[in-house]
Amino acid sequence: KDDEDDENPDDGTTTSPEDPTSPEGGEPVPPTEEQGDYVLIDEMPKLGEGCYHIGGYQNGVLHLATGGLTSVNHCKTAVFEFSDEGSLVSDADAAVVELEAAEEEDGYYIRFAEDGYLTAKSSGAGKLQFSAERSEYWIFSAHEEGGFVLRQSGDVDVKLIISQNAQSDVLRSISGDEDANAVIFLKINHPE
């Protein structure tokens, strides 16, 4: 009887190889906050303060911000591969961004470690800028396809998107009344 109880604890779980949560076998488990170097954050309940990479998918390809702005004020990006084990592969280095909670619910300041706080100076494309001081934050809401829609707080009606048109500089601003493509975050499990 004791052996039976060890295999079937009172909580209803098992440790059989068919159990996907079992470390002994079964289906692979997607990375959690304790596993892998990075965890895909694309739903509101998973979002919180911390260190991340920011980007999104364009035609099935992951683009992440690498920091800095282009001559037309788009945030520079590069192509990355994100594995099921939670690792990233690229010839480029993704920018580290820190989400800092704002007073408004679902509002976060986005601070690029090397550049400052990301804001937009006016509505429309090519209006991104970095600021040394906190100014406007971004209000997050769920995107219907997964990921987030980010709208800037304050008087400037602007959104942050992953552009379907741009070939490499895909993190950019658009007017607040335009449809926004999803932005995703990869949480960095072990920031340096």
C-alpha atoms as a PDB file:
ATOM      1  CA  LYS A   1       0.000   0.000   0.000  1.00  0.00           C
ATOM      2  CA  ASP A   2       2.827   2.443   0.819  1.00  0.00           C
ATOM      3  CA  ASP A   3       4.329   1.887  -2.661  1.00  0.00           C
ATOM      4  CA  GLU A   4       0.942   2.641  -4.233  1.00  0.00           C
ATOM      5  CA  ASP A   5       0.628   5.905  -2.284  1.00  0.00           C
ATOM      6  CA  ASP A   6       4.098   7.023  -3.474  1.00  0.00           C
ATOM      7  CA  GLU A   7       3.078   6.594  -7.107  1.00  0.00           C
ATOM      8  CA  ASN A   8      -0.298   8.315  -6.708  1.00  0.00           C
ATOM      9  CA  PRO A   9      -0.071  11.121  -4.160  1.00  0.00           C
ATOM     10  CA  ASP A  10      -3.231  12.563  -2.634  1.00  0.00           C
ATOM     11  CA  ASP A  11      -3.049  15.624  -4.896  1.00  0.00           C
ATOM     12  CA  GLY A  12      -3.974  13.500  -7.930  1.00  0.00           C
ATOM     13  CA  THR A  13      -0.662  13.930  -9.739  1.00  0.00           C
ATOM     14  CA  THR A  14       1.497  11.114 -11.005  1.00  0.00           C
ATOM     15  CA  THR A  15       5.118  10.807 -11.902  1.00  0.00           C
ATOM     16  CA  SER A  16       4.662   8.408 -14.799  1.00  0.00           C
ATOM     17  CA  PRO A  17       6.704   8.854 -17.995  1.00  0.00           C
ATOM     18  CA  GLU A  18       3.494   9.755 -19.840  1.00  0.00           C
ATOM     19  CA  ASP A  19       2.926  12.774 -17.583  1.00  0.00           C
ATOM     20  CA  PRO A  20       4.114  15.870 -19.557  1.00  0.00           C
ATOM     21  CA  THR A  21       5.185  17.546 -16.318  1.00  0.00           C
ATOM     22  CA  SER A  22       7.389  14.589 -15.482  1.00  0.00           C
ATOM     23  CA  PRO A  23      11.140  15.095 -15.787  1.00  0.00           C
ATOM     24  CA  GLU A  24      11.497  11.391 -16.695  1.00  0.00           C
ATOM     25  CA  GLY A  25       9.854  11.636 -20.126  1.00  0.00           C
ATOM     26  CA  GLY A  26       6.715  12.458 -22.056  1.00  0.00           C
ATOM     27  CA  GLU A  27       6.041  15.609 -24.061  1.00  0.00           C
ATOM     28  CA  PRO A  28       8.517  18.488 -23.716  1.00  0.00           C
ATOM     29  CA  VAL A  29       7.444  21.232 -21.356  1.00  0.00           C
ATOM     30  CA  PRO A  30       7.658  24.836 -22.692  1.00  0.00           C
ATOM     31  CA  PRO A  31      10.171  26.940 -20.764  1.00  0.00           C
ATOM     32  CA  THR A  32       8.873  28.484 -17.569  1.00  0.00           C
ATOM     33  CA  GLU A  33      10.348  31.313 -15.572  1.00  0.00           C
ATOM     34  CA  GLU A  34      12.682  28.790 -13.930  1.00  0.00           C
ATOM     35  CA  GLN A  35      13.787  27.058 -17.161  1.00  0.00           C
ATOM     36  CA  GLY A  36      15.750  28.362 -20.130  1.00  0.00           C
ATOM     37  CA  ASP A  37      17.508  31.665 -20.528  1.00  0.00           C
ATOM     38  CA  TYR A  38      14.423  33.458 -21.909  1.00  0.00           C
ATOM     39  CA  VAL A  39      10.659  33.032 -21.637  1.00  0.00           C
ATOM     40  CA  LEU A  40       8.187  34.326 -24.231  1.00  0.00           C
ATOM     41  CA  ILE A  41       5.825  36.830 -22.623  1.00  0.00           C
ATOM     42  CA  ASP A  42       2.831  37.422 -24.880  1.00  0.00           C
ATOM     43  CA  GLU A  43      -0.131  37.514 -22.454  1.00  0.00           C
ATOM     44  CA  MET A  44      -1.126  40.180 -19.935  1.00  0.00           C
ATOM     45  CA  PRO A  45      -1.075  37.898 -16.853  1.00  0.00           C
ATOM     46  CA  LYS A  46       2.589  37.012 -17.514  1.00  0.00           C
ATOM     47  CA  LEU A  47       3.736  40.629 -17.830  1.00  0.00           C
ATOM     48  CA  GLY A  48       5.442  42.458 -14.985  1.00  0.00           C
ATOM     49  CA  GLU A  49       8.439  44.562 -14.043  1.00  0.00           C
ATOM     50  CA  GLY A  50      11.805  43.139 -15.027  1.00  0.00           C
ATOM     51  CA  CYS A  51      14.408  42.783 -17.758  1.00  0.00           C
ATOM     52  CA  TYR A  52      13.367  41.754 -21.258  1.00  0.00           C
ATOM     53  CA  HIS A  53      14.121  41.808 -24.966  1.00  0.00           C
ATOM     54  CA  ILE A  54      11.425  43.568 -27.047  1.00  0.00           C
ATOM     55  CA  GLY A  55      10.330  42.711 -30.578  1.00  0.00           C
ATOM     56  CA  GLY A  56       7.851  40.697 -32.562  1.00  0.00           C
ATOM     57  CA  TYR A  57       7.246  38.451 -35.525  1.00  0.00           C
ATOM     58  CA  GLN A  58       7.101  39.565 -39.147  1.00  0.00           C
ATOM     59  CA  ASN A  59       6.239  36.865 -41.703  1.00  0.00           C
ATOM     60  CA  GLY A  60       7.038  34.222 -39.088  1.00  0.00           C
ATOM     61  CA  VAL A  61      10.519  35.634 -38.388  1.00  0.00           C
ATOM     62  CA  LEU A  62      11.445  36.986 -34.943  1.00  0.00           C
ATOM     63  CA  HIS A  63      12.908  40.499 -34.888  1.00  0.00           C
ATOM     64  CA  LEU A  64      14.272  41.947 -31.646  1.00  0.00           C
ATOM     65  CA  ALA A  65      15.380  45.503 -30.955  1.00  0.00           C
ATOM     66  CA  THR A  66      19.142  45.942 -30.813  1.00  0.00           C
ATOM     67  CA  GLY A  67      19.032  49.502 -29.479  1.00  0.00           C
ATOM     68  CA  GLY A  68      19.656  52.867 -31.031  1.00  0.00           C
ATOM     69  CA  LEU A  69      17.597  54.634 -33.680  1.00  0.00           C
ATOM     70  CA  THR A  70      17.956  54.762 -37.445  1.00  0.00           C
ATOM     71  CA  SER A  71      18.179  58.030 -39.376  1.00  0.00           C
ATOM     72  CA  VAL A  72      14.360  57.949 -39.718  1.00  0.00           C
ATOM     73  CA  ASN A  73      13.764  57.284 -35.996  1.00  0.00           C
ATOM     74  CA  HIS A  74      12.879  53.602 -36.123  1.00  0.00           C
ATOM     75  CA  CYS A  75      14.385  51.379 -33.472  1.00  0.00           C
ATOM     76  CA  LYS A  76      17.125  49.165 -34.934  1.00  0.00           C
ATOM     77  CA  THR A  77      16.419  45.434 -34.931  1.00  0.00           C
ATOM     78  CA  ALA A  78      17.943  42.129 -36.038  1.00  0.00           C
ATOM     79  CA  VAL A  79      16.649  38.660 -36.864  1.00  0.00           C
ATOM     80  CA  PHE A  80      16.770  36.073 -34.073  1.00  0.00           C
ATOM     81  CA  GLU A  81      15.809  32.439 -33.639  1.00  0.00           C
ATOM     82  CA  PHE A  82      14.053  31.508 -30.380  1.00  0.00           C
ATOM     83  CA  SER A  83      14.236  27.816 -29.493  1.00  0.00           C
ATOM     84  CA  ASP A  84      11.720  25.697 -27.604  1.00  0.00           C
ATOM     85  CA  GLU A  85      14.344  25.380 -24.866  1.00  0.00           C
ATOM     86  CA  GLY A  86      14.333  29.142 -24.297  1.00  0.00           C
ATOM     87  CA  SER A  87      17.586  30.158 -25.991  1.00  0.00           C
ATOM     88  CA  LEU A  88      18.297  32.832 -28.618  1.00  0.00           C
ATOM     89  CA  VAL A  89      20.508  32.547 -31.697  1.00  0.00           C
ATOM     90  CA  SER A  90      21.694  35.523 -33.775  1.00  0.00           C
ATOM     91  CA  ASP A  91      24.801  37.306 -34.986  1.00  0.00           C
ATOM     92  CA  ALA A  92      23.516  40.431 -33.218  1.00  0.00           C
ATOM     93  CA  ASP A  93      22.981  41.363 -29.576  1.00  0.00           C
ATOM     94  CA  ALA A  94      19.433  42.116 -28.494  1.00  0.00           C
ATOM     95  CA  ALA A  95      18.959  45.272 -26.454  1.00  0.00           C
ATOM     96  CA  VAL A  96      18.095  44.804 -22.808  1.00  0.00           C
ATOM     97  CA  VAL A  97      14.978  46.723 -21.832  1.00  0.00           C
ATOM     98  CA  GLU A  98      13.591  47.147 -18.364  1.00  0.00           C
ATOM     99  CA  LEU A  99       9.870  47.488 -17.763  1.00  0.00           C
ATOM    100  CA  GLU A 100       9.172  49.824 -14.844  1.00  0.00           C
ATOM    101  CA  ALA A 101       5.588  49.997 -13.576  1.00  0.00           C
ATOM    102  CA  ALA A 102       3.720  53.267 -13.987  1.00  0.00           C
ATOM    103  CA  GLU A 103       0.933  54.400 -11.669  1.00  0.00           C
ATOM    104  CA  GLU A 104      -1.712  53.467 -14.249  1.00  0.00           C
ATOM    105  CA  GLU A 105      -2.750  49.818 -14.401  1.00  0.00           C
ATOM    106  CA  ASP A 106      -1.032  48.010 -17.313  1.00  0.00           C
ATOM    107  CA  GLY A 107       1.254  51.015 -17.805  1.00  0.00           C
ATOM    108  CA  TYR A 108       5.030  50.558 -18.050  1.00  0.00           C
ATOM    109  CA  TYR A 109       8.009  52.757 -18.787  1.00  0.00           C
ATOM    110  CA  ILE A 110      10.313  51.039 -21.294  1.00  0.00           C
ATOM    111  CA  ARG A 111      13.959  51.784 -20.519  1.00  0.00           C
ATOM    112  CA  PHE A 112      16.639  50.611 -22.938  1.00  0.00           C
ATOM    113  CA  ALA A 113      19.736  49.940 -20.823  1.00  0.00           C
ATOM    114  CA  GLU A 114      22.096  51.688 -23.260  1.00  0.00           C
ATOM    115  CA  ASP A 115      19.815  54.442 -24.604  1.00  0.00           C
ATOM    116  CA  GLY A 116      17.236  55.613 -22.053  1.00  0.00           C
ATOM    117  CA  TYR A 117      13.443  55.681 -21.908  1.00  0.00           C
ATOM    118  CA  LEU A 118      11.603  55.017 -25.167  1.00  0.00           C
ATOM    119  CA  THR A 119       8.982  57.629 -26.085  1.00  0.00           C
ATOM    120  CA  ALA A 120       7.483  59.173 -29.201  1.00  0.00           C
ATOM    121  CA  LYS A 121       7.703  62.933 -29.769  1.00  0.00           C
ATOM    122  CA  SER A 122       4.570  63.095 -31.954  1.00  0.00           C
ATOM    123  CA  SER A 123       2.018  60.890 -33.637  1.00  0.00           C
ATOM    124  CA  GLY A 124       2.884  58.893 -36.741  1.00  0.00           C
ATOM    125  CA  ALA A 125       5.761  56.857 -38.160  1.00  0.00           C
ATOM    126  CA  GLY A 126       9.366  57.707 -37.401  1.00  0.00           C
ATOM    127  CA  LYS A 127       8.696  59.607 -34.180  1.00  0.00           C
ATOM    128  CA  LEU A 128      10.549  57.448 -31.643  1.00  0.00           C
ATOM    129  CA  GLN A 129      13.142  58.985 -29.370  1.00  0.00           C
ATOM    130  CA  PHE A 130      15.053  58.166 -26.209  1.00  0.00           C
ATOM    131  CA  SER A 131      14.969  60.292 -23.086  1.00  0.00           C
ATOM    132  CA  ALA A 132      17.286  60.282 -20.086  1.00  0.00           C
ATOM    133  CA  GLU A 133      14.297  61.054 -17.855  1.00  0.00           C
ATOM    134  CA  ARG A 134      10.974  59.311 -17.428  1.00  0.00           C
ATOM    135  CA  SER A 135       8.337  61.111 -19.429  1.00  0.00           C
ATOM    136  CA  GLU A 136       5.528  59.136 -21.015  1.00  0.00           C
ATOM    137  CA  TYR A 137       4.918  55.457 -20.389  1.00  0.00           C
ATOM    138  CA  TRP A 138       3.276  52.810 -22.568  1.00  0.00           C
ATOM    139  CA  ILE A 139      -0.156  51.344 -21.842  1.00  0.00           C
ATOM    140  CA  PHE A 140      -0.302  47.635 -22.656  1.00  0.00           C
ATOM    141  CA  SER A 141      -3.385  45.779 -23.842  1.00  0.00           C
ATOM    142  CA  ALA A 142      -3.806  42.294 -25.265  1.00  0.00           C
ATOM    143  CA  HIS A 143      -3.516  41.880 -29.038  1.00  0.00           C
ATOM    144  CA  GLU A 144      -6.154  39.591 -30.575  1.00  0.00           C
ATOM    145  CA  GLU A 145      -3.429  37.393 -32.115  1.00  0.00           C
ATOM    146  CA  GLY A 146      -1.318  37.191 -28.942  1.00  0.00           C
ATOM    147  CA  GLY A 147       1.234  39.694 -27.754  1.00  0.00           C
ATOM    148  CA  PHE A 148       0.537  43.311 -26.915  1.00  0.00           C
ATOM    149  CA  VAL A 149      -0.700  46.587 -28.314  1.00  0.00           C
ATOM    150  CA  LEU A 150       1.303  49.467 -26.817  1.00  0.00           C
ATOM    151  CA  ARG A 151      -0.175  52.975 -26.769  1.00  0.00           C
ATOM    152  CA  GLN A 152       1.767  55.884 -25.325  1.00  0.00           C
ATOM    153  CA  SER A 153       0.257  57.767 -22.398  1.00  0.00           C
ATOM    154  CA  GLY A 154      -0.202  61.535 -22.483  1.00  0.00           C
ATOM    155  CA  ASP A 155      -1.267  63.901 -25.245  1.00  0.00           C
ATOM    156  CA  VAL A 156       0.588  62.236 -28.145  1.00  0.00           C
ATOM    157  CA  ASP A 157      -1.688  59.564 -29.617  1.00  0.00           C
ATOM    158  CA  VAL A 158       0.834  57.009 -30.857  1.00  0.00           C
ATOM    159  CA  LYS A 159       1.360  53.249 -30.803  1.00  0.00           C
ATOM    160  CA  LEU A 160       4.473  51.101 -30.918  1.00  0.00           C
ATOM    161  CA  ILE A 161       4.396  48.284 -33.477  1.00  0.00           C
ATOM    162  CA  ILE A 162       6.303  45.636 -35.333  1.00  0.00           C
ATOM    163  CA  SER A 163       5.937  46.846 -38.901  1.00  0.00           C
ATOM    164  CA  GLN A 164       4.752  44.518 -41.655  1.00  0.00           C
ATOM    165  CA  ASN A 165       6.351  46.786 -44.250  1.00  0.00           C
ATOM    166  CA  ALA A 166       9.847  47.458 -42.993  1.00  0.00           C
ATOM    167  CA  GLN A 167      12.546  44.950 -43.877  1.00  0.00           C
ATOM    168  CA  SER A 168      14.907  45.416 -40.958  1.00  0.00           C
ATOM    169  CA  ASP A 169      13.972  48.461 -38.831  1.00  0.00           C
ATOM    170  CA  VAL A 170      10.693  47.007 -37.681  1.00  0.00           C
ATOM    171  CA  LEU A 171      10.098  48.499 -34.238  1.00  0.00           C
ATOM    172  CA  ARG A 172       8.457  51.850 -34.973  1.00  0.00           C
ATOM    173  CA  SER A 173       5.708  54.262 -34.068  1.00  0.00           C
ATOM    174  CA  ILE A 174       2.378  54.774 -35.825  1.00  0.00           C
ATOM    175  CA  SER A 175      -0.588  57.042 -35.314  1.00  0.00           C
ATOM    176  CA  GLY A 176      -2.778  55.962 -32.423  1.00  0.00           C
ATOM    177  CA  ASP A 177      -5.832  55.409 -34.641  1.00  0.00           C
ATOM    178  CA  GLU A 178      -4.033  52.891 -36.904  1.00  0.00           C
ATOM    179  CA  ASP A 179      -4.234  49.135 -36.372  1.00  0.00           C
ATOM    180  CA  ALA A 180      -1.256  47.914 -34.387  1.00  0.00           C
ATOM    181  CA  ASN A 181       0.695  44.701 -34.890  1.00  0.00           C
ATOM    182  CA  ALA A 182       1.624  42.656 -31.859  1.00  0.00           C
ATOM    183  CA  VAL A 183       4.710  43.383 -29.782  1.00  0.00           C
ATOM    184  CA  ILE A 184       6.173  40.561 -27.705  1.00  0.00           C
ATOM    185  CA  PHE A 185       8.716  40.400 -24.900  1.00  0.00           C
ATOM    186  CA  LEU A 186      11.251  37.746 -23.973  1.00  0.00           C
ATOM    187  CA  LYS A 187      11.861  37.776 -20.233  1.00  0.00           C
ATOM    188  CA  ILE A 188      15.534  37.453 -19.343  1.00  0.00           C
ATOM    189  CA  ASN A 189      15.783  34.887 -16.567  1.00  0.00           C
ATOM    190  CA  HIS A 190      19.302  35.763 -15.472  1.00  0.00           C
ATOM    191  CA  PRO A 191      19.988  39.453 -16.176  1.00  0.00           C
ATOM    192  CA  GLU A 192      23.594  40.491 -15.611  1.00  0.00           C
END
